[in-house]
Amino acid sequence: MSTIEQKPVYAYHANKPALIKRLHRIEGQVRGIEKMVEDDRYCIDIFTQISAATTALEALGLKILGDHVNGCVADAFASGDREAAAEKSRELLAAVERFTRAR
């Protein structure tokens, strides 16, 4: 008898195609920045594009964090398992700290 290992389904799963599409756009932005450097473009123009790519990544991060709160964290609290809820709380606070520190 074989055991089928199930992969966990995370809160962002329902939005996965849109998230991947956004990541591809961000990847294109970064490639554009690389081309600007290769082409010796003006410093401020490059900086402007770096800022736009950073903003896009931050928006994506906030979307995934929101999905995490509304899915994974909410499920842990709804389960009634105090240990699981405490773990998700610690995890969430650490993620928010990392996110705000990066800004």
PDB file of N, CA and C in Angstrom:
ATOM      1  N   MET A   1       0.842  -1.166   0.000  1.00  0.00           N
ATOM      2  CA  MET A   1       0.000   0.000   0.000  1.00  0.00           C
ATOM      3  C   MET A   1       0.896   1.241   0.000  1.00  0.00           C
ATOM      4  N   SER A   2       0.592   2.203  -0.857  1.00  0.00           N
ATOM      5  CA  SER A   2       1.396   3.420  -0.907  1.00  0.00           C
ATOM      6  C   SER A   2       0.660   4.563  -0.217  1.00  0.00           C
ATOM      7  N   THR A   3       1.439   5.427   0.353  1.00  0.00           N
ATOM      8  CA  THR A   3       0.890   6.604   1.005  1.00  0.00           C
ATOM      9  C   THR A   3       1.066   7.792   0.072  1.00  0.00           C
ATOM     10  N   ILE A   4      -0.014   8.483  -0.180  1.00  0.00           N
ATOM     11  CA  ILE A   4       0.054   9.667  -1.033  1.00  0.00           C
ATOM     12  C   ILE A   4       0.283  10.878  -0.146  1.00  0.00           C
ATOM     13  N   GLU A   5       1.368  11.553  -0.410  1.00  0.00           N
ATOM     14  CA  GLU A   5       1.700  12.742   0.371  1.00  0.00           C
ATOM     15  C   GLU A   5       1.016  13.951  -0.246  1.00  0.00           C
ATOM     16  N   GLN A   6       0.215  14.639   0.547  1.00  0.00           N
ATOM     17  CA  GLN A   6      -0.482  15.818   0.051  1.00  0.00           C
ATOM     18  C   GLN A   6       0.333  17.066   0.334  1.00  0.00           C
ATOM     19  N   LYS A   7       0.399  17.936  -0.680  1.00  0.00           N
ATOM     20  CA  LYS A   7       1.055  19.223  -0.490  1.00  0.00           C
ATOM     21  C   LYS A   7       0.069  20.152   0.204  1.00  0.00           C
ATOM     22  N   PRO A   8       0.549  20.975   1.110  1.00  0.00           N
ATOM     23  CA  PRO A   8      -0.359  21.931   1.751  1.00  0.00           C
ATOM     24  C   PRO A   8      -0.853  22.970   0.742  1.00  0.00           C
ATOM     25  N   VAL A   9      -2.044  23.442   0.952  1.00  0.00           N
ATOM     26  CA  VAL A   9      -2.604  24.501   0.113  1.00  0.00           C
ATOM     27  C   VAL A   9      -2.596  25.778   0.944  1.00  0.00           C
ATOM     28  N   TYR A  10      -1.848  26.745   0.505  1.00  0.00           N
ATOM     29  CA  TYR A  10      -1.712  27.987   1.253  1.00  0.00           C
ATOM     30  C   TYR A  10      -2.755  29.004   0.819  1.00  0.00           C
ATOM     31  N   ALA A  11      -2.923  30.021   1.617  1.00  0.00           N
ATOM     32  CA  ALA A  11      -3.991  30.999   1.424  1.00  0.00           C
ATOM     33  C   ALA A  11      -3.907  31.725   0.082  1.00  0.00           C
ATOM     34  N   TYR A  12      -2.729  31.909  -0.475  1.00  0.00           N
ATOM     35  CA  TYR A  12      -2.589  32.627  -1.738  1.00  0.00           C
ATOM     36  C   TYR A  12      -2.953  31.755  -2.946  1.00  0.00           C
ATOM     37  N   HIS A  13      -3.207  30.475  -2.715  1.00  0.00           N
ATOM     38  CA  HIS A  13      -3.406  29.517  -3.814  1.00  0.00           C
ATOM     39  C   HIS A  13      -4.492  29.962  -4.805  1.00  0.00           C
ATOM     40  N   ALA A  14      -5.591  30.488  -4.308  1.00  0.00           N
ATOM     41  CA  ALA A  14      -6.686  30.910  -5.193  1.00  0.00           C
ATOM     42  C   ALA A  14      -6.257  32.042  -6.123  1.00  0.00           C
ATOM     43  N   ASN A  15      -5.282  32.838  -5.692  1.00  0.00           N
ATOM     44  CA  ASN A  15      -4.788  33.970  -6.493  1.00  0.00           C
ATOM     45  C   ASN A  15      -3.486  33.653  -7.221  1.00  0.00           C
ATOM     46  N   LYS A  16      -3.078  32.404  -7.218  1.00  0.00           N
ATOM     47  CA  LYS A  16      -1.777  32.018  -7.749  1.00  0.00           C
ATOM     48  C   LYS A  16      -1.544  32.488  -9.190  1.00  0.00           C
ATOM     49  N   PRO A  17      -2.474  32.293 -10.124  1.00  0.00           N
ATOM     50  CA  PRO A  17      -2.218  32.761 -11.495  1.00  0.00           C
ATOM     51  C   PRO A  17      -1.984  34.271 -11.581  1.00  0.00           C
ATOM     52  N   ALA A  18      -2.758  35.049 -10.839  1.00  0.00           N
ATOM     53  CA  ALA A  18      -2.580  36.510 -10.848  1.00  0.00           C
ATOM     54  C   ALA A  18      -1.250  36.891 -10.206  1.00  0.00           C
ATOM     55  N   LEU A  19      -0.866  36.197  -9.148  1.00  0.00           N
ATOM     56  CA  LEU A  19       0.413  36.487  -8.490  1.00  0.00           C
ATOM     57  C   LEU A  19       1.581  36.189  -9.425  1.00  0.00           C
ATOM     58  N   ILE A  20       1.499  35.085 -10.120  1.00  0.00           N
ATOM     59  CA  ILE A  20       2.566  34.725 -11.069  1.00  0.00           C
ATOM     60  C   ILE A  20       2.640  35.747 -12.197  1.00  0.00           C
ATOM     61  N   LYS A  21       1.486  36.193 -12.675  1.00  0.00           N
ATOM     62  CA  LYS A  21       1.464  37.228 -13.719  1.00  0.00           C
ATOM     63  C   LYS A  21       2.144  38.504 -13.225  1.00  0.00           C
ATOM     64  N   ARG A  22       1.838  38.900 -11.986  1.00  0.00           N
ATOM     65  CA  ARG A  22       2.475  40.097 -11.411  1.00  0.00           C
ATOM     66  C   ARG A  22       3.975  39.897 -11.273  1.00  0.00           C
ATOM     67  N   LEU A  23       4.391  38.712 -10.857  1.00  0.00           N
ATOM     68  CA  LEU A  23       5.823  38.430 -10.727  1.00  0.00           C
ATOM     69  C   LEU A  23       6.527  38.519 -12.081  1.00  0.00           C
ATOM     70  N   HIS A  24       5.868  38.060 -13.126  1.00  0.00           N
ATOM     71  CA  HIS A  24       6.473  38.154 -14.462  1.00  0.00           C
ATOM     72  C   HIS A  24       6.616  39.611 -14.898  1.00  0.00           C
ATOM     73  N   ARG A  25       5.630  40.427 -14.549  1.00  0.00           N
ATOM     74  CA  ARG A  25       5.745  41.870 -14.871  1.00  0.00           C
ATOM     75  C   ARG A  25       6.906  42.491 -14.110  1.00  0.00           C
ATOM     76  N   ILE A  26       7.046  42.144 -12.842  1.00  0.00           N
ATOM     77  CA  ILE A  26       8.149  42.677 -12.035  1.00  0.00           C
ATOM     78  C   ILE A  26       9.481  42.202 -12.601  1.00  0.00           C
ATOM     79  N   GLU A  27       9.534  40.948 -12.998  1.00  0.00           N
ATOM     80  CA  GLU A  27      10.744  40.413 -13.622  1.00  0.00           C
ATOM     81  C   GLU A  27      11.097  41.216 -14.871  1.00  0.00           C
ATOM     82  N   GLY A  28      10.084  41.572 -15.652  1.00  0.00           N
ATOM     83  CA  GLY A  28      10.303  42.399 -16.841  1.00  0.00           C
ATOM     84  C   GLY A  28      10.819  43.779 -16.474  1.00  0.00           C
ATOM     85  N   GLN A  29      10.283  44.334 -15.378  1.00  0.00           N
ATOM     86  CA  GLN A  29      10.773  45.640 -14.917  1.00  0.00           C
ATOM     87  C   GLN A  29      12.256  45.555 -14.558  1.00  0.00           C
ATOM     88  N   VAL A  30      12.643  44.502 -13.869  1.00  0.00           N
ATOM     89  CA  VAL A  30      14.044  44.349 -13.452  1.00  0.00           C
ATOM     90  C   VAL A  30      14.941  44.162 -14.674  1.00  0.00           C
ATOM     91  N   ARG A  31      14.472  43.391 -15.650  1.00  0.00           N
ATOM     92  CA  ARG A  31      15.259  43.251 -16.879  1.00  0.00           C
ATOM     93  C   ARG A  31      15.404  44.592 -17.592  1.00  0.00           C
ATOM     94  N   GLY A  32      14.343  45.396 -17.539  1.00  0.00           N
ATOM     95  CA  GLY A  32      14.403  46.728 -18.133  1.00  0.00           C
ATOM     96  C   GLY A  32      15.446  47.603 -17.446  1.00  0.00           C
ATOM     97  N   ILE A  33      15.547  47.476 -16.135  1.00  0.00           N
ATOM     98  CA  ILE A  33      16.552  48.234 -15.379  1.00  0.00           C
ATOM     99  C   ILE A  33      17.948  47.788 -15.799  1.00  0.00           C
ATOM    100  N   GLU A  34      18.124  46.489 -15.923  1.00  0.00           N
ATOM    101  CA  GLU A  34      19.429  45.972 -16.365  1.00  0.00           C
ATOM    102  C   GLU A  34      19.801  46.551 -17.729  1.00  0.00           C
ATOM    103  N   LYS A  35      18.841  46.589 -18.630  1.00  0.00           N
ATOM    104  CA  LYS A  35      19.085  47.146 -19.974  1.00  0.00           C
ATOM    105  C   LYS A  35      19.433  48.631 -19.887  1.00  0.00           C
ATOM    106  N   MET A  36      18.756  49.349 -18.989  1.00  0.00           N
ATOM    107  CA  MET A  36      19.060  50.773 -18.807  1.00  0.00           C
ATOM    108  C   MET A  36      20.504  50.965 -18.361  1.00  0.00           C
ATOM    109  N   VAL A  37      20.971  50.115 -17.453  1.00  0.00           N
ATOM    110  CA  VAL A  37      22.370  50.202 -16.988  1.00  0.00           C
ATOM    111  C   VAL A  37      23.314  49.870 -18.146  1.00  0.00           C
ATOM    112  N   GLU A  38      22.989  48.797 -18.879  1.00  0.00           N
ATOM    113  CA  GLU A  38      23.832  48.426 -20.029  1.00  0.00           C
ATOM    114  C   GLU A  38      23.913  49.562 -21.042  1.00  0.00           C
ATOM    115  N   ASP A  39      22.803  50.283 -21.221  1.00  0.00           N
ATOM    116  CA  ASP A  39      22.738  51.359 -22.209  1.00  0.00           C
ATOM    117  C   ASP A  39      23.213  52.712 -21.668  1.00  0.00           C
ATOM    118  N   ASP A  40      23.770  52.708 -20.443  1.00  0.00           N
ATOM    119  CA  ASP A  40      24.276  53.939 -19.824  1.00  0.00           C
ATOM    120  C   ASP A  40      23.221  55.034 -19.750  1.00  0.00           C
ATOM    121  N   ARG A  41      22.036  54.684 -19.276  1.00  0.00           N
ATOM    122  CA  ARG A  41      20.957  55.653 -19.129  1.00  0.00           C
ATOM    123  C   ARG A  41      21.205  56.542 -17.925  1.00  0.00           C
ATOM    124  N   TYR A  42      20.486  57.632 -17.862  1.00  0.00           N
ATOM    125  CA  TYR A  42      20.619  58.633 -16.813  1.00  0.00           C
ATOM    126  C   TYR A  42      20.284  58.024 -15.444  1.00  0.00           C
ATOM    127  N   CYS A  43      21.099  58.364 -14.446  1.00  0.00           N
ATOM    128  CA  CYS A  43      20.993  57.804 -13.090  1.00  0.00           C
ATOM    129  C   CYS A  43      19.579  57.909 -12.512  1.00  0.00           C
ATOM    130  N   ILE A  44      18.981  59.074 -12.600  1.00  0.00           N
ATOM    131  CA  ILE A  44      17.658  59.298 -12.007  1.00  0.00           C
ATOM    132  C   ILE A  44      16.596  58.462 -12.707  1.00  0.00           C
ATOM    133  N   ASP A  45      16.736  58.267 -14.015  1.00  0.00           N
ATOM    134  CA  ASP A  45      15.788  57.406 -14.735  1.00  0.00           C
ATOM    135  C   ASP A  45      15.879  55.964 -14.224  1.00  0.00           C
ATOM    136  N   ILE A  46      17.094  55.501 -13.994  1.00  0.00           N
ATOM    137  CA  ILE A  46      17.299  54.145 -13.459  1.00  0.00           C
ATOM    138  C   ILE A  46      16.720  54.062 -12.048  1.00  0.00           C
ATOM    139  N   PHE A  47      17.023  55.046 -11.234  1.00  0.00           N
ATOM    140  CA  PHE A  47      16.505  55.067  -9.861  1.00  0.00           C
ATOM    141  C   PHE A  47      14.980  55.047  -9.851  1.00  0.00           C
ATOM    142  N   THR A  48      14.367  55.797 -10.745  1.00  0.00           N
ATOM    143  CA  THR A  48      12.905  55.841 -10.841  1.00  0.00           C
ATOM    144  C   THR A  48      12.350  54.446 -11.127  1.00  0.00           C
ATOM    145  N   GLN A  49      12.993  53.712 -12.012  1.00  0.00           N
ATOM    146  CA  GLN A  49      12.534  52.357 -12.341  1.00  0.00           C
ATOM    147  C   GLN A  49      12.788  51.387 -11.197  1.00  0.00           C
ATOM    148  N   ILE A  50      13.882  51.567 -10.473  1.00  0.00           N
ATOM    149  CA  ILE A  50      14.146  50.738  -9.294  1.00  0.00           C
ATOM    150  C   ILE A  50      13.066  50.979  -8.253  1.00  0.00           C
ATOM    151  N   SER A  51      12.696  52.224  -8.057  1.00  0.00           N
ATOM    152  CA  SER A  51      11.640  52.569  -7.110  1.00  0.00           C
ATOM    153  C   SER A  51      10.310  51.928  -7.506  1.00  0.00           C
ATOM    154  N   ALA A  52       9.994  51.951  -8.799  1.00  0.00           N
ATOM    155  CA  ALA A  52       8.755  51.344  -9.280  1.00  0.00           C
ATOM    156  C   ALA A  52       8.755  49.833  -9.059  1.00  0.00           C
ATOM    157  N   ALA A  53       9.885  49.182  -9.312  1.00  0.00           N
ATOM    158  CA  ALA A  53       9.980  47.730  -9.105  1.00  0.00           C
ATOM    159  C   ALA A  53       9.871  47.392  -7.620  1.00  0.00           C
ATOM    160  N   THR A  54      10.488  48.201  -6.782  1.00  0.00           N
ATOM    161  CA  THR A  54      10.407  47.994  -5.341  1.00  0.00           C
ATOM    162  C   THR A  54       8.968  48.138  -4.855  1.00  0.00           C
ATOM    163  N   THR A  55       8.281  49.157  -5.335  1.00  0.00           N
ATOM    164  CA  THR A  55       6.877  49.371  -4.978  1.00  0.00           C
ATOM    165  C   THR A  55       6.018  48.187  -5.424  1.00  0.00           C
ATOM    166  N   ALA A  56       6.287  47.666  -6.614  1.00  0.00           N
ATOM    167  CA  ALA A  56       5.537  46.520  -7.120  1.00  0.00           C
ATOM    168  C   ALA A  56       5.764  45.283  -6.246  1.00  0.00           C
ATOM    169  N   LEU A  57       7.006  45.049  -5.840  1.00  0.00           N
ATOM    170  CA  LEU A  57       7.299  43.917  -4.953  1.00  0.00           C
ATOM    171  C   LEU A  57       6.639  44.093  -3.588  1.00  0.00           C
ATOM    172  N   GLU A  58       6.666  45.315  -3.064  1.00  0.00           N
ATOM    173  CA  GLU A  58       6.021  45.567  -1.776  1.00  0.00           C
ATOM    174  C   GLU A  58       4.518  45.328  -1.856  1.00  0.00           C
ATOM    175  N   ALA A  59       3.895  45.747  -2.955  1.00  0.00           N
ATOM    176  CA  ALA A  59       2.461  45.526  -3.127  1.00  0.00           C
ATOM    177  C   ALA A  59       2.154  44.033  -3.205  1.00  0.00           C
ATOM    178  N   LEU A  60       2.985  43.294  -3.888  1.00  0.00           N
ATOM    179  CA  LEU A  60       2.818  41.850  -3.963  1.00  0.00           C
ATOM    180  C   LEU A  60       2.982  41.223  -2.581  1.00  0.00           C
ATOM    181  N   GLY A  61       3.983  41.688  -1.839  1.00  0.00           N
ATOM    182  CA  GLY A  61       4.198  41.190  -0.482  1.00  0.00           C
ATOM    183  C   GLY A  61       3.000  41.451   0.410  1.00  0.00           C
ATOM    184  N   LEU A  62       2.418  42.641   0.304  1.00  0.00           N
ATOM    185  CA  LEU A  62       1.235  42.964   1.100  1.00  0.00           C
ATOM    186  C   LEU A  62       0.049  42.087   0.722  1.00  0.00           C
ATOM    187  N   LYS A  63      -0.090  41.783  -0.559  1.00  0.00           N
ATOM    188  CA  LYS A  63      -1.177  40.906  -1.006  1.00  0.00           C
ATOM    189  C   LYS A  63      -1.017  39.514  -0.403  1.00  0.00           C
ATOM    190  N   ILE A  64       0.181  38.968  -0.470  1.00  0.00           N
ATOM    191  CA  ILE A  64       0.429  37.637   0.080  1.00  0.00           C
ATOM    192  C   ILE A  64       0.276  37.646   1.598  1.00  0.00           C
ATOM    193  N   LEU A  65       0.741  38.704   2.249  1.00  0.00           N
ATOM    194  CA  LEU A  65       0.576  38.810   3.700  1.00  0.00           C
ATOM    195  C   LEU A  65      -0.902  38.881   4.071  1.00  0.00           C
ATOM    196  N   GLY A  66      -1.678  39.642   3.305  1.00  0.00           N
ATOM    197  CA  GLY A  66      -3.116  39.724   3.557  1.00  0.00           C
ATOM    198  C   GLY A  66      -3.796  38.376   3.391  1.00  0.00           C
ATOM    199  N   ASP A  67      -3.423  37.649   2.338  1.00  0.00           N
ATOM    200  CA  ASP A  67      -3.975  36.310   2.144  1.00  0.00           C
ATOM    201  C   ASP A  67      -3.608  35.404   3.318  1.00  0.00           C
ATOM    202  N   HIS A  68      -2.380  35.544   3.806  1.00  0.00           N
ATOM    203  CA  HIS A  68      -1.913  34.740   4.942  1.00  0.00           C
ATOM    204  C   HIS A  68      -2.762  35.030   6.186  1.00  0.00           C
ATOM    205  N   VAL A  69      -2.987  36.306   6.451  1.00  0.00           N
ATOM    206  CA  VAL A  69      -3.781  36.690   7.625  1.00  0.00           C
ATOM    207  C   VAL A  69      -5.207  36.171   7.498  1.00  0.00           C
ATOM    208  N   ASN A  70      -5.810  36.382   6.330  1.00  0.00           N
ATOM    209  CA  ASN A  70      -7.205  36.002   6.132  1.00  0.00           C
ATOM    210  C   ASN A  70      -7.405  34.506   5.935  1.00  0.00           C
ATOM    211  N   GLY A  71      -6.335  33.788   5.675  1.00  0.00           N
ATOM    212  CA  GLY A  71      -6.426  32.350   5.467  1.00  0.00           C
ATOM    213  C   GLY A  71      -5.752  31.574   6.578  1.00  0.00           C
ATOM    214  N   CYS A  72      -4.440  31.481   6.504  1.00  0.00           N
ATOM    215  CA  CYS A  72      -3.671  30.653   7.437  1.00  0.00           C
ATOM    216  C   CYS A  72      -3.864  31.068   8.897  1.00  0.00           C
ATOM    217  N   VAL A  73      -3.725  32.355   9.164  1.00  0.00           N
ATOM    218  CA  VAL A  73      -3.843  32.841  10.544  1.00  0.00           C
ATOM    219  C   VAL A  73      -5.282  32.701  11.042  1.00  0.00           C
ATOM    220  N   ALA A  74      -6.231  33.120  10.217  1.00  0.00           N
ATOM    221  CA  ALA A  74      -7.644  33.014  10.608  1.00  0.00           C
ATOM    222  C   ALA A  74      -8.030  31.557  10.861  1.00  0.00           C
ATOM    223  N   ASP A  75      -7.554  30.650  10.029  1.00  0.00           N
ATOM    224  CA  ASP A  75      -7.860  29.227  10.222  1.00  0.00           C
ATOM    225  C   ASP A  75      -7.287  28.705  11.534  1.00  0.00           C
ATOM    226  N   ALA A  76      -6.073  29.134  11.865  1.00  0.00           N
ATOM    227  CA  ALA A  76      -5.458  28.696  13.124  1.00  0.00           C
ATOM    228  C   ALA A  76      -6.278  29.177  14.317  1.00  0.00           C
ATOM    229  N   PHE A  77      -6.744  30.414  14.265  1.00  0.00           N
ATOM    230  CA  PHE A  77      -7.569  30.942  15.362  1.00  0.00           C
ATOM    231  C   PHE A  77      -8.922  30.241  15.413  1.00  0.00           C
ATOM    232  N   ALA A  78      -9.524  30.002  14.248  1.00  0.00           N
ATOM    233  CA  ALA A  78     -10.842  29.366  14.197  1.00  0.00           C
ATOM    234  C   ALA A  78     -10.788  27.912  14.653  1.00  0.00           C
ATOM    235  N   SER A  79      -9.614  27.286  14.539  1.00  0.00           N
ATOM    236  CA  SER A  79      -9.489  25.870  14.916  1.00  0.00           C
ATOM    237  C   SER A  79      -9.663  25.653  16.415  1.00  0.00           C
ATOM    238  N   GLY A  80      -9.459  26.701  17.203  1.00  0.00           N
ATOM    239  CA  GLY A  80      -9.537  26.562  18.654  1.00  0.00           C
ATOM    240  C   GLY A  80      -8.263  26.000  19.270  1.00  0.00           C
ATOM    241  N   ASP A  81      -7.284  25.693  18.451  1.00  0.00           N
ATOM    242  CA  ASP A  81      -5.996  25.169  18.928  1.00  0.00           C
ATOM    243  C   ASP A  81      -5.129  26.358  19.351  1.00  0.00           C
ATOM    244  N   ARG A  82      -5.033  26.561  20.654  1.00  0.00           N
ATOM    245  CA  ARG A  82      -4.317  27.727  21.174  1.00  0.00           C
ATOM    246  C   ARG A  82      -2.847  27.735  20.765  1.00  0.00           C
ATOM    247  N   GLU A  83      -2.237  26.561  20.737  1.00  0.00           N
ATOM    248  CA  GLU A  83      -0.830  26.473  20.359  1.00  0.00           C
ATOM    249  C   GLU A  83      -0.639  26.865  18.890  1.00  0.00           C
ATOM    250  N   ALA A  84      -1.517  26.374  18.017  1.00  0.00           N
ATOM    251  CA  ALA A  84      -1.431  26.727  16.597  1.00  0.00           C
ATOM    252  C   ALA A  84      -1.671  28.222  16.407  1.00  0.00           C
ATOM    253  N   ALA A  85      -2.644  28.781  17.132  1.00  0.00           N
ATOM    254  CA  ALA A  85      -2.938  30.214  17.034  1.00  0.00           C
ATOM    255  C   ALA A  85      -1.755  31.043  17.520  1.00  0.00           C
ATOM    256  N   ALA A  86      -1.136  30.613  18.606  1.00  0.00           N
ATOM    257  CA  ALA A  86       0.028  31.330  19.138  1.00  0.00           C
ATOM    258  C   ALA A  86       1.192  31.280  18.145  1.00  0.00           C
ATOM    259  N   GLU A  87       1.389  30.127  17.529  1.00  0.00           N
ATOM    260  CA  GLU A  87       2.464  29.989  16.550  1.00  0.00           C
ATOM    261  C   GLU A  87       2.226  30.896  15.343  1.00  0.00           C
ATOM    262  N   LYS A  88       0.991  30.927  14.847  1.00  0.00           N
ATOM    263  CA  LYS A  88       0.672  31.795  13.704  1.00  0.00           C
ATOM    264  C   LYS A  88       0.802  33.264  14.090  1.00  0.00           C
ATOM    265  N   SER A  89       0.474  33.615  15.320  1.00  0.00           N
ATOM    266  CA  SER A  89       0.636  34.997  15.791  1.00  0.00           C
ATOM    267  C   SER A  89       2.104  35.392  15.789  1.00  0.00           C
ATOM    268  N   ARG A  90       2.948  34.518  16.333  1.00  0.00           N
ATOM    269  CA  ARG A  90       4.400  34.795  16.352  1.00  0.00           C
ATOM    270  C   ARG A  90       4.933  34.921  14.925  1.00  0.00           C
ATOM    271  N   GLU A  91       4.508  34.011  14.073  1.00  0.00           N
ATOM    272  CA  GLU A  91       4.942  34.013  12.680  1.00  0.00           C
ATOM    273  C   GLU A  91       4.516  35.302  11.977  1.00  0.00           C
ATOM    274  N   LEU A  92       3.281  35.717  12.218  1.00  0.00           N
ATOM    275  CA  LEU A  92       2.754  36.937  11.606  1.00  0.00           C
ATOM    276  C   LEU A  92       3.514  38.167  12.076  1.00  0.00           C
ATOM    277  N   LEU A  93       3.731  38.271  13.368  1.00  0.00           N
ATOM    278  CA  LEU A  93       4.467  39.424  13.893  1.00  0.00           C
ATOM    279  C   LEU A  93       5.883  39.487  13.337  1.00  0.00           C
ATOM    280  N   ALA A  94       6.530  38.343  13.215  1.00  0.00           N
ATOM    281  CA  ALA A  94       7.881  38.305  12.652  1.00  0.00           C
ATOM    282  C   ALA A  94       7.867  38.734  11.181  1.00  0.00           C
ATOM    283  N   ALA A  95       6.849  38.306  10.446  1.00  0.00           N
ATOM    284  CA  ALA A  95       6.741  38.688   9.031  1.00  0.00           C
ATOM    285  C   ALA A  95       6.518  40.184   8.890  1.00  0.00           C
ATOM    286  N   VAL A  96       5.652  40.738   9.712  1.00  0.00           N
ATOM    287  CA  VAL A  96       5.382  42.184   9.663  1.00  0.00           C
ATOM    288  C   VAL A  96       6.649  42.951  10.025  1.00  0.00           C
ATOM    289  N   GLU A  97       7.371  42.463  11.026  1.00  0.00           N
ATOM    290  CA  GLU A  97       8.622  43.114  11.415  1.00  0.00           C
ATOM    291  C   GLU A  97       9.623  43.107  10.264  1.00  0.00           C
ATOM    292  N   ARG A  98       9.768  41.971   9.592  1.00  0.00           N
ATOM    293  CA  ARG A  98      10.694  41.886   8.441  1.00  0.00           C
ATOM    294  C   ARG A  98      10.255  42.832   7.333  1.00  0.00           C
ATOM    295  N   PHE A  99       8.960  42.870   7.085  1.00  0.00           N
ATOM    296  CA  PHE A  99       8.435  43.694   6.011  1.00  0.00           C
ATOM    297  C   PHE A  99       8.650  45.182   6.293  1.00  0.00           C
ATOM    298  N   THR A 100       8.386  45.604   7.520  1.00  0.00           N
ATOM    299  CA  THR A 100       8.543  47.018   7.841  1.00  0.00           C
ATOM    300  C   THR A 100      10.006  47.419   7.965  1.00  0.00           C
ATOM    301  N   ARG A 101      10.839  46.496   8.364  1.00  0.00           N
ATOM    302  CA  ARG A 101      12.274  46.785   8.472  1.00  0.00           C
ATOM    303  C   ARG A 101      12.891  46.989   7.095  1.00  0.00           C
ATOM    304  N   ALA A 102      12.353  46.286   6.108  1.00  0.00           N
ATOM    305  CA  ALA A 102      12.886  46.379   4.745  1.00  0.00           C
ATOM    306  C   ALA A 102      12.541  47.711   4.091  1.00  0.00           C
ATOM    307  N   ARG A 103      11.641  48.452   4.680  1.00  0.00           N
ATOM    308  CA  ARG A 103      11.196  49.717   4.063  1.00  0.00           C
ATOM    309  C   ARG A 103      12.065  50.817   4.478  1.00  0.00           C
TER     310      ARG A 103
END
